[in-house]
């Protein structure tokens, strides 16, 4: 062990904040669900074999539950057959 070189030992003079504070909790309420799972559900609806032009779905929004026929989507909205736009961020669940 005496053959090992000496290591430079410098003093840290400032407060180093290169770590990230993390918190994991399993207390998830209905409003704080991840929007990623909703986007996956929407993509699975459009990728399913029974979707050709339109699909009848039940959408749970922040304030109500509606049944709509969706025909398309973009990055922000779902498009219904009536031409109504439903914001994806407002959707809590879709079936």
Foldseek 3Di string as FASTA:
>chain_A
DVPDDDDDDDDDDDDDDPDDDDDDDPPDDLLPDDLVVLVVVVVCVCPDPPDDAWDWKWWDFPPGIDIFIFGQDDPFFTATPVRDTDGSSRTSDMD
